[in-house]
Amino acid sequence: MRLLRGLLAALLWILGAVVGLLAVILCVTIILLPLGIPLLLLSRRLFGAAGRIMLPRRLRHPLQEADKSARKSARKARKRTKKLNKSMPDLGASKAKRTTRKFLKRQRRSLPQPG
């Protein structure tokens, strides 16, 4: 998959270079300037797309990846809490709640802080 993304990025990069060269040539002739400027913008987009394709998902979508890992950690904490509550059936309900809150608070402190 990585090789395929690399080939696609290289193809987009070459296409962007060709379109950019054509746009520069069109911009040199004053009459064709209105055609050259949009082609320059298209070339810039192609270069940007090629760069984004080469990056791993974590760098392309940092917020979604952080959200995904936070959900995963929360899921693990809920499972651990359920196990903890099942292992303490003889405690009173209020004491089990306090223990669960302490456990979740410790879990939150151990998570990496954003920013």
N, C-alpha and C. Protein backbone atom coordinates (compact mmCIF):
# COMPACT_ATOMS: atom_id res chain seq x y z
N MET A 1 0.83 -1.20 0.00
CA MET A 1 0.00 0.00 0.00
C MET A 1 0.87 1.25 0.00
N ARG A 2 1.96 1.21 0.75
CA ARG A 2 2.84 2.36 0.83
C ARG A 2 3.48 2.64 -0.53
N LEU A 3 3.83 1.56 -1.25
CA LEU A 3 4.43 1.70 -2.57
C LEU A 3 3.43 2.32 -3.55
N LEU A 4 2.18 1.88 -3.46
CA LEU A 4 1.14 2.43 -4.33
C LEU A 4 0.93 3.91 -4.05
N ARG A 5 0.91 4.28 -2.77
CA ARG A 5 0.77 5.71 -2.44
C ARG A 5 1.95 6.51 -2.94
N GLY A 6 3.15 5.94 -2.84
CA GLY A 6 4.35 6.62 -3.33
C GLY A 6 4.30 6.83 -4.84
N LEU A 7 3.85 5.81 -5.55
CA LEU A 7 3.74 5.94 -7.02
C LEU A 7 2.70 6.99 -7.40
N LEU A 8 1.57 6.97 -6.70
CA LEU A 8 0.53 7.96 -6.98
C LEU A 8 1.02 9.37 -6.67
N ALA A 9 1.74 9.53 -5.59
CA ALA A 9 2.28 10.84 -5.23
C ALA A 9 3.31 11.30 -6.26
N ALA A 10 4.15 10.39 -6.73
CA ALA A 10 5.13 10.75 -7.75
C ALA A 10 4.44 11.17 -9.04
N LEU A 11 3.38 10.44 -9.40
CA LEU A 11 2.62 10.79 -10.61
C LEU A 11 1.99 12.18 -10.47
N LEU A 12 1.39 12.44 -9.32
CA LEU A 12 0.79 13.77 -9.10
C LEU A 12 1.85 14.86 -9.10
N TRP A 13 3.01 14.55 -8.55
CA TRP A 13 4.08 15.55 -8.51
C TRP A 13 4.56 15.88 -9.93
N ILE A 14 4.72 14.86 -10.76
CA ILE A 14 5.14 15.09 -12.16
C ILE A 14 4.06 15.86 -12.90
N LEU A 15 2.80 15.49 -12.71
CA LEU A 15 1.69 16.20 -13.36
C LEU A 15 1.65 17.66 -12.90
N GLY A 16 1.86 17.88 -11.62
CA GLY A 16 1.88 19.25 -11.11
C GLY A 16 3.03 20.06 -11.71
N ALA A 17 4.18 19.42 -11.90
CA ALA A 17 5.32 20.12 -12.50
C ALA A 17 5.03 20.50 -13.94
N VAL A 18 4.42 19.58 -14.69
CA VAL A 18 4.10 19.87 -16.10
C VAL A 18 3.06 20.98 -16.19
N VAL A 19 2.03 20.90 -15.37
CA VAL A 19 0.99 21.94 -15.37
C VAL A 19 1.58 23.28 -14.93
N GLY A 20 2.47 23.26 -13.95
CA GLY A 20 3.12 24.49 -13.49
C GLY A 20 3.99 25.10 -14.57
N LEU A 21 4.74 24.28 -15.29
CA LEU A 21 5.57 24.79 -16.39
C LEU A 21 4.70 25.42 -17.48
N LEU A 22 3.61 24.73 -17.82
CA LEU A 22 2.69 25.28 -18.81
C LEU A 22 2.09 26.60 -18.32
N ALA A 23 1.77 26.68 -17.05
CA ALA A 23 1.18 27.90 -16.49
C ALA A 23 2.17 29.05 -16.53
N VAL A 24 3.44 28.77 -16.23
CA VAL A 24 4.46 29.83 -16.28
C VAL A 24 4.63 30.33 -17.70
N ILE A 25 4.63 29.42 -18.65
CA ILE A 25 4.76 29.83 -20.06
C ILE A 25 3.56 30.69 -20.47
N LEU A 26 2.36 30.28 -20.04
CA LEU A 26 1.17 31.07 -20.37
C LEU A 26 1.18 32.43 -19.68
N CYS A 27 1.72 32.49 -18.47
CA CYS A 27 1.77 33.77 -17.75
C CYS A 27 2.76 34.74 -18.37
N VAL A 28 3.79 34.22 -19.03
CA VAL A 28 4.77 35.10 -19.68
C VAL A 28 4.12 35.87 -20.81
N THR A 29 3.24 35.22 -21.55
CA THR A 29 2.53 35.94 -22.61
C THR A 29 1.35 36.65 -21.95
N ILE A 30 1.36 37.94 -22.05
CA ILE A 30 0.38 38.77 -21.34
C ILE A 30 -1.05 38.44 -21.77
N ILE A 31 -1.24 38.08 -23.02
CA ILE A 31 -2.59 37.80 -23.52
C ILE A 31 -3.18 36.56 -22.85
N LEU A 32 -2.35 35.57 -22.60
CA LEU A 32 -2.83 34.31 -22.01
C LEU A 32 -2.71 34.26 -20.48
N LEU A 33 -2.45 35.41 -19.88
CA LEU A 33 -2.33 35.48 -18.41
C LEU A 33 -3.58 34.97 -17.68
N PRO A 34 -4.80 35.27 -18.16
CA PRO A 34 -5.99 34.73 -17.47
C PRO A 34 -6.07 33.20 -17.47
N LEU A 35 -5.41 32.55 -18.40
CA LEU A 35 -5.37 31.09 -18.40
C LEU A 35 -4.24 30.56 -17.52
N GLY A 36 -3.16 31.32 -17.42
CA GLY A 36 -1.99 30.87 -16.68
C GLY A 36 -2.20 30.88 -15.17
N ILE A 37 -2.90 31.88 -14.67
CA ILE A 37 -3.09 32.00 -13.21
C ILE A 37 -3.90 30.82 -12.63
N PRO A 38 -5.05 30.46 -13.23
CA PRO A 38 -5.75 29.28 -12.69
C PRO A 38 -4.93 27.99 -12.80
N LEU A 39 -4.11 27.88 -13.85
CA LEU A 39 -3.26 26.69 -13.97
C LEU A 39 -2.19 26.67 -12.90
N LEU A 40 -1.68 27.84 -12.52
CA LEU A 40 -0.72 27.90 -11.42
C LEU A 40 -1.37 27.43 -10.11
N LEU A 41 -2.61 27.84 -9.88
CA LEU A 41 -3.32 27.41 -8.68
C LEU A 41 -3.57 25.90 -8.70
N LEU A 42 -3.91 25.37 -9.88
CA LEU A 42 -4.10 23.93 -10.01
C LEU A 42 -2.80 23.18 -9.74
N SER A 43 -1.70 23.71 -10.24
CA SER A 43 -0.40 23.10 -10.02
C SER A 43 -0.07 23.06 -8.52
N ARG A 44 -0.36 24.15 -7.85
CA ARG A 44 -0.12 24.21 -6.40
C ARG A 44 -0.95 23.16 -5.66
N ARG A 45 -2.20 22.99 -6.07
CA ARG A 45 -3.05 21.97 -5.45
C ARG A 45 -2.52 20.57 -5.69
N LEU A 46 -2.02 20.33 -6.90
CA LEU A 46 -1.48 19.00 -7.21
C LEU A 46 -0.25 18.70 -6.36
N PHE A 47 0.62 19.69 -6.18
CA PHE A 47 1.79 19.50 -5.32
C PHE A 47 1.38 19.22 -3.87
N GLY A 48 0.38 19.96 -3.40
CA GLY A 48 -0.11 19.76 -2.04
C GLY A 48 -0.72 18.38 -1.85
N ALA A 49 -1.50 17.94 -2.84
CA ALA A 49 -2.11 16.61 -2.76
C ALA A 49 -1.04 15.52 -2.76
N ALA A 50 -0.01 15.70 -3.57
CA ALA A 50 1.08 14.71 -3.61
C ALA A 50 1.78 14.64 -2.26
N GLY A 51 1.98 15.78 -1.63
CA GLY A 51 2.62 15.79 -0.31
C GLY A 51 1.77 15.13 0.76
N ARG A 52 0.45 15.39 0.71
CA ARG A 52 -0.46 14.80 1.70
C ARG A 52 -0.56 13.29 1.53
N ILE A 53 -0.49 12.82 0.29
CA ILE A 53 -0.57 11.37 0.06
C ILE A 53 0.62 10.67 0.68
N MET A 54 1.77 11.31 0.67
CA MET A 54 2.97 10.68 1.19
C MET A 54 2.99 10.62 2.73
N LEU A 55 2.25 11.50 3.38
CA LEU A 55 2.26 11.54 4.84
C LEU A 55 1.43 10.41 5.43
N PRO A 56 1.83 9.89 6.59
CA PRO A 56 0.99 8.90 7.27
C PRO A 56 -0.29 9.55 7.81
N ARG A 57 -1.28 8.72 8.10
CA ARG A 57 -2.58 9.22 8.53
C ARG A 57 -2.50 10.07 9.79
N ARG A 58 -1.62 9.72 10.70
CA ARG A 58 -1.52 10.50 11.94
C ARG A 58 -1.12 11.93 11.69
N LEU A 59 -0.32 12.18 10.69
CA LEU A 59 0.09 13.55 10.39
C LEU A 59 -0.93 14.27 9.52
N ARG A 60 -1.67 13.53 8.70
CA ARG A 60 -2.69 14.16 7.85
C ARG A 60 -3.92 14.56 8.66
N HIS A 61 -4.32 13.70 9.63
CA HIS A 61 -5.53 13.94 10.41
C HIS A 61 -5.21 13.81 11.90
N PRO A 62 -4.49 14.78 12.48
CA PRO A 62 -4.09 14.61 13.88
C PRO A 62 -5.26 14.64 14.86
N LEU A 63 -6.28 15.42 14.60
CA LEU A 63 -7.40 15.50 15.54
C LEU A 63 -8.22 14.22 15.56
N GLN A 64 -8.48 13.65 14.37
CA GLN A 64 -9.25 12.41 14.34
C GLN A 64 -8.48 11.27 15.00
N GLU A 65 -7.17 11.24 14.80
CA GLU A 65 -6.36 10.19 15.42
C GLU A 65 -6.34 10.34 16.94
N ALA A 66 -6.26 11.58 17.42
CA ALA A 66 -6.28 11.81 18.86
C ALA A 66 -7.63 11.41 19.44
N ASP A 67 -8.70 11.72 18.72
CA ASP A 67 -10.04 11.36 19.16
C ASP A 67 -10.19 9.84 19.21
N LYS A 68 -9.65 9.17 18.19
CA LYS A 68 -9.74 7.71 18.14
C LYS A 68 -9.00 7.07 19.32
N SER A 69 -7.80 7.58 19.61
CA SER A 69 -7.04 7.00 20.72
C SER A 69 -7.70 7.32 22.06
N ALA A 70 -8.33 8.48 22.18
CA ALA A 70 -9.03 8.83 23.42
C ALA A 70 -10.23 7.91 23.63
N ARG A 71 -10.97 7.62 22.56
CA ARG A 71 -12.10 6.70 22.67
C ARG A 71 -11.64 5.31 23.06
N LYS A 72 -10.52 4.90 22.47
CA LYS A 72 -9.98 3.57 22.79
C LYS A 72 -9.58 3.50 24.27
N SER A 73 -8.93 4.55 24.77
CA SER A 73 -8.53 4.57 26.18
C SER A 73 -9.76 4.58 27.10
N ALA A 74 -10.78 5.31 26.71
CA ALA A 74 -12.00 5.35 27.51
C ALA A 74 -12.67 3.98 27.55
N ARG A 75 -12.67 3.30 26.41
CA ARG A 75 -13.25 1.96 26.35
C ARG A 75 -12.50 1.01 27.28
N LYS A 76 -11.18 1.10 27.28
CA LYS A 76 -10.37 0.25 28.16
C LYS A 76 -10.66 0.57 29.63
N ALA A 77 -10.79 1.85 29.94
CA ALA A 77 -11.06 2.25 31.32
C ALA A 77 -12.42 1.74 31.77
N ARG A 78 -13.43 1.79 30.89
CA ARG A 78 -14.75 1.28 31.25
C ARG A 78 -14.70 -0.22 31.52
N LYS A 79 -13.97 -0.95 30.67
CA LYS A 79 -13.85 -2.39 30.87
C LYS A 79 -13.16 -2.70 32.20
N ARG A 80 -12.09 -1.98 32.50
CA ARG A 80 -11.38 -2.21 33.76
C ARG A 80 -12.27 -1.87 34.95
N THR A 81 -13.05 -0.82 34.81
CA THR A 81 -13.93 -0.41 35.90
C THR A 81 -15.00 -1.46 36.15
N LYS A 82 -15.55 -2.01 35.07
CA LYS A 82 -16.56 -3.05 35.24
C LYS A 82 -15.96 -4.26 35.95
N LYS A 83 -14.75 -4.63 35.56
CA LYS A 83 -14.08 -5.75 36.22
C LYS A 83 -13.85 -5.43 37.70
N LEU A 84 -13.44 -4.19 37.97
CA LEU A 84 -13.19 -3.78 39.34
C LEU A 84 -14.48 -3.83 40.15
N ASN A 85 -15.58 -3.37 39.58
CA ASN A 85 -16.86 -3.39 40.29
C ASN A 85 -17.34 -4.81 40.53
N LYS A 86 -17.10 -5.70 39.57
CA LYS A 86 -17.52 -7.09 39.75
C LYS A 86 -16.70 -7.78 40.82
N SER A 87 -15.45 -7.38 40.98
CA SER A 87 -14.61 -8.02 41.98
C SER A 87 -14.89 -7.52 43.39
N MET A 88 -15.70 -6.49 43.54
CA MET A 88 -16.01 -5.95 44.87
C MET A 88 -17.52 -5.96 45.12
N PRO A 89 -18.19 -7.09 45.05
CA PRO A 89 -19.63 -7.09 45.26
C PRO A 89 -20.02 -6.89 46.72
N ASP A 90 -19.14 -7.18 47.65
CA ASP A 90 -19.49 -7.08 49.05
C ASP A 90 -19.42 -5.65 49.58
N LEU A 91 -18.84 -4.72 48.83
CA LEU A 91 -18.77 -3.33 49.26
C LEU A 91 -20.13 -2.66 49.07
N GLY A 92 -20.34 -1.61 49.79
CA GLY A 92 -21.56 -0.84 49.61
C GLY A 92 -21.52 -0.10 48.28
N ALA A 93 -22.66 0.34 47.81
CA ALA A 93 -22.74 1.00 46.51
C ALA A 93 -21.95 2.31 46.50
N SER A 94 -22.02 3.08 47.59
CA SER A 94 -21.33 4.37 47.61
C SER A 94 -19.81 4.17 47.61
N LYS A 95 -19.34 3.17 48.33
CA LYS A 95 -17.91 2.91 48.37
C LYS A 95 -17.41 2.43 46.99
N ALA A 96 -18.20 1.62 46.31
CA ALA A 96 -17.83 1.15 44.97
C ALA A 96 -17.78 2.33 44.00
N LYS A 97 -18.72 3.27 44.14
CA LYS A 97 -18.73 4.45 43.28
C LYS A 97 -17.47 5.29 43.51
N ARG A 98 -17.11 5.49 44.78
CA ARG A 98 -15.91 6.26 45.08
C ARG A 98 -14.67 5.59 44.52
N THR A 99 -14.59 4.29 44.68
CA THR A 99 -13.44 3.55 44.15
C THR A 99 -13.37 3.68 42.64
N THR A 100 -14.52 3.59 42.00
CA THR A 100 -14.57 3.73 40.55
C THR A 100 -14.13 5.13 40.13
N ARG A 101 -14.58 6.15 40.81
CA ARG A 101 -14.19 7.53 40.50
C ARG A 101 -12.70 7.72 40.65
N LYS A 102 -12.14 7.18 41.74
CA LYS A 102 -10.69 7.29 41.93
C LYS A 102 -9.94 6.61 40.81
N PHE A 103 -10.42 5.44 40.42
CA PHE A 103 -9.78 4.70 39.35
C PHE A 103 -9.82 5.49 38.04
N LEU A 104 -10.98 6.06 37.71
CA LEU A 104 -11.10 6.84 36.47
C LEU A 104 -10.24 8.09 36.51
N LYS A 105 -10.15 8.71 37.68
CA LYS A 105 -9.31 9.90 37.82
C LYS A 105 -7.85 9.55 37.57
N ARG A 106 -7.41 8.41 38.12
CA ARG A 106 -6.04 7.96 37.87
C ARG A 106 -5.81 7.67 36.39
N GLN A 107 -6.82 7.10 35.75
CA GLN A 107 -6.70 6.80 34.32
C GLN A 107 -6.56 8.08 33.51
N ARG A 108 -7.36 9.11 33.86
CA ARG A 108 -7.30 10.38 33.13
C ARG A 108 -5.94 11.05 33.30
N ARG A 109 -5.37 10.96 34.49
CA ARG A 109 -4.06 11.55 34.72
C ARG A 109 -2.98 10.85 33.91
N SER A 110 -3.14 9.56 33.68
CA SER A 110 -2.11 8.80 32.96
C SER A 110 -2.20 9.02 31.45
N LEU A 111 -3.33 9.55 30.94
CA LEU A 111 -3.45 9.81 29.50
C LEU A 111 -2.56 11.00 29.11
N PRO A 112 -2.00 10.99 27.89
CA PRO A 112 -1.20 12.14 27.44
C PRO A 112 -2.08 13.36 27.26
N GLN A 113 -1.60 14.50 27.71
CA GLN A 113 -2.37 15.73 27.62
C GLN A 113 -2.22 16.34 26.23
N PRO A 114 -3.32 16.83 25.59
CA PRO A 114 -3.22 17.47 24.28
C PRO A 114 -2.51 18.81 24.39
N GLY A 115 -1.78 19.16 23.33
CA GLY A 115 -1.14 20.47 23.28
C GLY A 115 0.13 20.51 23.92
